[in-house]
Amino acid sequence: MIRMSVRLIAAALALALSASAFAAAPKFQMPFPCKQVWHGNTRENHSPKLAVDLSRANGEGDKVVAAAKGTVSKVRNLGDSSYGKYVVVDHGGGWSTLYAHLHSYSVKVGDRLAQGDALGTVGNTGNSDGAHLHHEQLLNGALQKIEFDGRTIHYYDGRGRYTDYRSANRCP
């Protein structure tokens, strides 16, 4: 009986902790300036699976902005491998975002960003086969389903289609 009570208390505590972390999630916006339209691509074999690739015609060099306010925690250049040039922003409460395959970055570790502040430009660096932004939203290092403006994006459905998204980041 005591073991069962301890397990129930532990389960309730874990649920409360995850619920409070979820409640603290920032209201992420698209990582592009207001009203820009980008194609979001997710696919079954994407690595990691819950990330999204955002692209559009002639998008290379376009501005990438912070999806929510936070502090830059990582700025790296992995050359021709993996994410290439990438930036990670810590949003507090265990939440962070990753912006990869950048052509350039305009921030350094420790910089504080408001939602919509520029952090780099769309590129084709690392293990990439065309200009796009690889975007991830993480909670305590674990990838989460991407949300923009409080709505979960459309994930792969076997039809290999893009979904268009319009940015509301810093819109008046």
C-alpha atoms as a PDB file:
ATOM      1  CA  MET A   1       0.000   0.000   0.000  1.00  0.00           C
ATOM      2  CA  ILE A   2       2.805   2.432   0.879  1.00  0.00           C
ATOM      3  CA  ARG A   3       4.689   1.607  -2.356  1.00  0.00           C
ATOM      4  CA  MET A   4       1.565   2.286  -4.372  1.00  0.00           C
ATOM      5  CA  SER A   5       1.071   5.633  -2.607  1.00  0.00           C
ATOM      6  CA  VAL A   6       4.702   6.602  -3.258  1.00  0.00           C
ATOM      7  CA  ARG A   7       4.286   5.699  -6.943  1.00  0.00           C
ATOM      8  CA  LEU A   8       1.075   7.710  -7.195  1.00  0.00           C
ATOM      9  CA  ILE A   9       2.710  10.724  -5.537  1.00  0.00           C
ATOM     10  CA  ALA A  10       5.732  10.438  -7.858  1.00  0.00           C
ATOM     11  CA  ALA A  11       3.465  10.187 -10.918  1.00  0.00           C
ATOM     12  CA  ALA A  12       1.400  13.177  -9.785  1.00  0.00           C
ATOM     13  CA  LEU A  13       4.567  15.214  -9.171  1.00  0.00           C
ATOM     14  CA  ALA A  14       5.960  14.332 -12.620  1.00  0.00           C
ATOM     15  CA  LEU A  15       2.652  15.303 -14.232  1.00  0.00           C
ATOM     16  CA  ALA A  16       2.556  18.601 -12.336  1.00  0.00           C
ATOM     17  CA  LEU A  17       6.143  19.410 -13.326  1.00  0.00           C
ATOM     18  CA  SER A  18       5.515  18.670 -17.000  1.00  0.00           C
ATOM     19  CA  ALA A  19       2.240  20.622 -16.922  1.00  0.00           C
ATOM     20  CA  SER A  20       3.955  23.658 -15.396  1.00  0.00           C
ATOM     21  CA  ALA A  21       6.717  23.478 -18.023  1.00  0.00           C
ATOM     22  CA  PHE A  22       4.090  23.238 -20.751  1.00  0.00           C
ATOM     23  CA  ALA A  23       2.188  26.173 -19.284  1.00  0.00           C
ATOM     24  CA  ALA A  24       5.404  28.201 -19.400  1.00  0.00           C
ATOM     25  CA  ALA A  25       5.886  27.573 -23.145  1.00  0.00           C
ATOM     26  CA  PRO A  26       6.515  30.798 -25.056  1.00  0.00           C
ATOM     27  CA  LYS A  27       4.040  31.724 -27.793  1.00  0.00           C
ATOM     28  CA  PHE A  28       6.445  30.957 -30.619  1.00  0.00           C
ATOM     29  CA  GLN A  29       6.056  32.788 -33.911  1.00  0.00           C
ATOM     30  CA  MET A  30       7.534  31.927 -37.281  1.00  0.00           C
ATOM     31  CA  PRO A  31      11.223  32.769 -37.431  1.00  0.00           C
ATOM     32  CA  PHE A  32      10.655  35.304 -40.225  1.00  0.00           C
ATOM     33  CA  PRO A  33       9.473  38.925 -40.373  1.00  0.00           C
ATOM     34  CA  CYS A  34       5.780  39.820 -40.376  1.00  0.00           C
ATOM     35  CA  LYS A  35       3.570  38.598 -43.259  1.00  0.00           C
ATOM     36  CA  GLN A  36       6.289  36.622 -45.066  1.00  0.00           C
ATOM     37  CA  VAL A  37       5.012  33.316 -46.463  1.00  0.00           C
ATOM     38  CA  TRP A  38       7.224  30.217 -46.258  1.00  0.00           C
ATOM     39  CA  HIS A  39       6.718  26.565 -47.216  1.00  0.00           C
ATOM     40  CA  GLY A  40       6.978  24.210 -44.233  1.00  0.00           C
ATOM     41  CA  ASN A  41       8.186  20.705 -44.988  1.00  0.00           C
ATOM     42  CA  THR A  42       8.078  17.788 -42.573  1.00  0.00           C
ATOM     43  CA  ARG A  43       8.650  14.186 -43.589  1.00  0.00           C
ATOM     44  CA  GLU A  44       8.704  10.704 -42.134  1.00  0.00           C
ATOM     45  CA  ASN A  45      12.482  10.307 -42.570  1.00  0.00           C
ATOM     46  CA  HIS A  46      13.424  13.795 -41.352  1.00  0.00           C
ATOM     47  CA  SER A  47      16.142  13.893 -38.731  1.00  0.00           C
ATOM     48  CA  PRO A  48      15.084  14.796 -36.164  1.00  0.00           C
ATOM     49  CA  LYS A  49      11.522  13.815 -36.957  1.00  0.00           C
ATOM     50  CA  LEU A  50       9.616  16.757 -35.398  1.00  0.00           C
ATOM     51  CA  ALA A  51      11.757  19.510 -36.973  1.00  0.00           C
ATOM     52  CA  VAL A  52      10.511  21.600 -39.895  1.00  0.00           C
ATOM     53  CA  ASP A  53      12.352  22.853 -42.965  1.00  0.00           C
ATOM     54  CA  LEU A  54      11.155  26.269 -44.127  1.00  0.00           C
ATOM     55  CA  SER A  55      11.882  27.461 -47.650  1.00  0.00           C
ATOM     56  CA  ARG A  56      10.660  29.657 -50.475  1.00  0.00           C
ATOM     57  CA  ALA A  57      11.834  30.663 -53.934  1.00  0.00           C
ATOM     58  CA  ASN A  58      14.917  32.871 -53.759  1.00  0.00           C
ATOM     59  CA  GLY A  59      14.920  32.651 -49.943  1.00  0.00           C
ATOM     60  CA  GLU A  60      18.685  32.390 -49.529  1.00  0.00           C
ATOM     61  CA  GLY A  61      19.945  35.422 -47.609  1.00  0.00           C
ATOM     62  CA  ASP A  62      16.501  36.330 -46.208  1.00  0.00           C
ATOM     63  CA  LYS A  63      16.404  37.480 -42.586  1.00  0.00           C
ATOM     64  CA  VAL A  64      15.842  34.890 -39.814  1.00  0.00           C
ATOM     65  CA  VAL A  65      14.392  36.263 -36.560  1.00  0.00           C
ATOM     66  CA  ALA A  66      13.849  34.988 -33.013  1.00  0.00           C
ATOM     67  CA  ALA A  67      10.642  32.961 -32.638  1.00  0.00           C
ATOM     68  CA  ALA A  68      10.325  34.232 -29.038  1.00  0.00           C
ATOM     69  CA  LYS A  69      12.353  36.416 -26.669  1.00  0.00           C
ATOM     70  CA  GLY A  70      15.413  34.779 -25.176  1.00  0.00           C
ATOM     71  CA  THR A  71      19.175  34.645 -24.816  1.00  0.00           C
ATOM     72  CA  VAL A  72      21.545  33.218 -27.426  1.00  0.00           C
ATOM     73  CA  SER A  73      23.098  30.108 -25.869  1.00  0.00           C
ATOM     74  CA  LYS A  74      24.995  28.642 -28.821  1.00  0.00           C
ATOM     75  CA  VAL A  75      26.487  29.903 -32.094  1.00  0.00           C
ATOM     76  CA  ARG A  76      28.338  27.255 -34.098  1.00  0.00           C
ATOM     77  CA  ASN A  77      29.751  26.541 -37.508  1.00  0.00           C
ATOM     78  CA  LEU A  78      30.059  22.823 -38.247  1.00  0.00           C
ATOM     79  CA  GLY A  79      31.324  23.496 -41.773  1.00  0.00           C
ATOM     80  CA  ASP A  80      30.004  21.095 -44.406  1.00  0.00           C
ATOM     81  CA  SER A  81      28.450  18.674 -41.924  1.00  0.00           C
ATOM     82  CA  SER A  82      25.234  18.411 -39.969  1.00  0.00           C
ATOM     83  CA  TYR A  83      23.562  21.785 -39.235  1.00  0.00           C
ATOM     84  CA  GLY A  84      26.358  23.873 -40.771  1.00  0.00           C
ATOM     85  CA  LYS A  85      26.031  27.357 -39.287  1.00  0.00           C
ATOM     86  CA  TYR A  86      23.433  27.383 -36.522  1.00  0.00           C
ATOM     87  CA  VAL A  87      22.145  29.336 -33.536  1.00  0.00           C
ATOM     88  CA  VAL A  88      20.318  28.182 -30.389  1.00  0.00           C
ATOM     89  CA  VAL A  89      18.200  30.575 -28.323  1.00  0.00           C
ATOM     90  CA  ASP A  90      17.276  29.794 -24.697  1.00  0.00           C
ATOM     91  CA  HIS A  91      13.768  31.034 -23.860  1.00  0.00           C
ATOM     92  CA  GLY A  92      13.744  30.017 -20.179  1.00  0.00           C
ATOM     93  CA  GLY A  93      11.660  27.346 -18.466  1.00  0.00           C
ATOM     94  CA  GLY A  94      13.612  24.648 -20.330  1.00  0.00           C
ATOM     95  CA  TRP A  95      12.505  25.922 -23.773  1.00  0.00           C
ATOM     96  CA  SER A  96      14.926  26.613 -26.626  1.00  0.00           C
ATOM     97  CA  THR A  97      14.843  26.992 -30.401  1.00  0.00           C
ATOM     98  CA  LEU A  98      17.409  25.986 -33.007  1.00  0.00           C
ATOM     99  CA  TYR A  99      17.956  27.718 -36.364  1.00  0.00           C
ATOM    100  CA  ALA A 100      20.203  25.744 -38.759  1.00  0.00           C
ATOM    101  CA  HIS A 101      21.823  25.847 -42.229  1.00  0.00           C
ATOM    102  CA  LEU A 102      22.247  29.614 -41.869  1.00  0.00           C
ATOM    103  CA  HIS A 103      24.181  31.568 -44.473  1.00  0.00           C
ATOM    104  CA  SER A 104      25.297  33.928 -41.714  1.00  0.00           C
ATOM    105  CA  TYR A 105      24.576  34.779 -38.107  1.00  0.00           C
ATOM    106  CA  SER A 106      24.513  38.235 -36.546  1.00  0.00           C
ATOM    107  CA  VAL A 107      24.502  37.291 -32.845  1.00  0.00           C
ATOM    108  CA  LYS A 108      26.903  35.973 -30.230  1.00  0.00           C
ATOM    109  CA  VAL A 109      26.449  33.854 -27.113  1.00  0.00           C
ATOM    110  CA  GLY A 110      24.860  35.935 -24.357  1.00  0.00           C
ATOM    111  CA  ASP A 111      22.972  38.316 -26.644  1.00  0.00           C
ATOM    112  CA  ARG A 112      19.422  39.003 -25.457  1.00  0.00           C
ATOM    113  CA  LEU A 113      16.826  38.937 -28.211  1.00  0.00           C
ATOM    114  CA  ALA A 114      13.274  40.210 -28.311  1.00  0.00           C
ATOM    115  CA  GLN A 115      10.777  38.244 -30.368  1.00  0.00           C
ATOM    116  CA  GLY A 116      11.388  39.240 -33.983  1.00  0.00           C
ATOM    117  CA  ASP A 117      15.008  40.377 -33.541  1.00  0.00           C
ATOM    118  CA  ALA A 118      17.303  39.300 -36.385  1.00  0.00           C
ATOM    119  CA  LEU A 119      19.754  36.499 -35.642  1.00  0.00           C
ATOM    120  CA  GLY A 120      20.984  35.481 -39.099  1.00  0.00           C
ATOM    121  CA  THR A 121      20.082  34.745 -42.711  1.00  0.00           C
ATOM    122  CA  VAL A 122      18.731  31.709 -44.554  1.00  0.00           C
ATOM    123  CA  GLY A 123      21.458  29.580 -46.074  1.00  0.00           C
ATOM    124  CA  ASN A 124      22.574  26.255 -47.466  1.00  0.00           C
ATOM    125  CA  THR A 125      25.367  25.262 -45.071  1.00  0.00           C
ATOM    126  CA  GLY A 126      26.171  21.901 -43.543  1.00  0.00           C
ATOM    127  CA  ASN A 127      24.434  18.762 -44.798  1.00  0.00           C
ATOM    128  CA  SER A 128      21.880  20.628 -46.895  1.00  0.00           C
ATOM    129  CA  ASP A 129      20.691  20.259 -50.473  1.00  0.00           C
ATOM    130  CA  GLY A 130      19.233  23.724 -50.961  1.00  0.00           C
ATOM    131  CA  ALA A 131      18.647  27.000 -49.185  1.00  0.00           C
ATOM    132  CA  HIS A 132      16.224  26.617 -46.267  1.00  0.00           C
ATOM    133  CA  LEU A 133      15.916  27.118 -42.526  1.00  0.00           C
ATOM    134  CA  HIS A 134      15.862  23.978 -40.378  1.00  0.00           C
ATOM    135  CA  HIS A 135      13.908  24.905 -37.226  1.00  0.00           C
ATOM    136  CA  GLU A 136      13.436  23.037 -33.945  1.00  0.00           C
ATOM    137  CA  GLN A 137      11.591  23.794 -30.704  1.00  0.00           C
ATOM    138  CA  LEU A 138      12.907  21.918 -27.672  1.00  0.00           C
ATOM    139  CA  LEU A 139      11.839  21.434 -24.057  1.00  0.00           C
ATOM    140  CA  ASN A 140      14.677  20.350 -21.765  1.00  0.00           C
ATOM    141  CA  GLY A 141      16.593  19.229 -24.859  1.00  0.00           C
ATOM    142  CA  ALA A 142      13.757  17.045 -26.204  1.00  0.00           C
ATOM    143  CA  LEU A 143      12.260  18.001 -29.559  1.00  0.00           C
ATOM    144  CA  GLN A 144       8.617  19.099 -29.381  1.00  0.00           C
ATOM    145  CA  LYS A 145       5.994  19.503 -32.088  1.00  0.00           C
ATOM    146  CA  ILE A 146       6.465  22.895 -33.690  1.00  0.00           C
ATOM    147  CA  GLU A 147       3.904  25.584 -32.888  1.00  0.00           C
ATOM    148  CA  PHE A 148       3.558  28.967 -34.551  1.00  0.00           C
ATOM    149  CA  ASP A 149       1.157  31.513 -33.065  1.00  0.00           C
ATOM    150  CA  GLY A 150      -0.309  28.891 -30.708  1.00  0.00           C
ATOM    151  CA  ARG A 151      -1.076  26.339 -33.452  1.00  0.00           C
ATOM    152  CA  THR A 152       0.753  23.085 -34.149  1.00  0.00           C
ATOM    153  CA  ILE A 153       2.081  22.907 -37.707  1.00  0.00           C
ATOM    154  CA  HIS A 154       0.921  20.247 -40.165  1.00  0.00           C
ATOM    155  CA  TYR A 155       3.099  17.134 -40.004  1.00  0.00           C
ATOM    156  CA  TYR A 156       3.841  14.609 -42.744  1.00  0.00           C
ATOM    157  CA  ASP A 157       0.882  12.690 -44.029  1.00  0.00           C
ATOM    158  CA  GLY A 158       2.576  10.533 -46.664  1.00  0.00           C
ATOM    159  CA  ARG A 159       1.621  12.869 -49.499  1.00  0.00           C
ATOM    160  CA  GLY A 160       4.907  14.802 -49.475  1.00  0.00           C
ATOM    161  CA  ARG A 161       3.227  18.210 -49.630  1.00  0.00           C
ATOM    162  CA  TYR A 162       4.414  21.524 -48.350  1.00  0.00           C
ATOM    163  CA  THR A 163       2.189  23.606 -46.088  1.00  0.00           C
ATOM    164  CA  ASP A 164       2.375  27.366 -46.456  1.00  0.00           C
ATOM    165  CA  TYR A 165       2.674  29.467 -43.305  1.00  0.00           C
ATOM    166  CA  ARG A 166       2.361  33.261 -43.003  1.00  0.00           C
ATOM    167  CA  SER A 167       4.460  34.883 -40.300  1.00  0.00           C
ATOM    168  CA  ALA A 168       2.758  36.923 -37.575  1.00  0.00           C
ATOM    169  CA  ASN A 169       6.111  37.703 -35.924  1.00  0.00           C
ATOM    170  CA  ARG A 170       6.109  41.339 -34.787  1.00  0.00           C
ATOM    171  CA  CYS A 171       3.045  42.207 -36.820  1.00  0.00           C
ATOM    172  CA  PRO A 172       1.291  45.359 -35.608  1.00  0.00           C
END
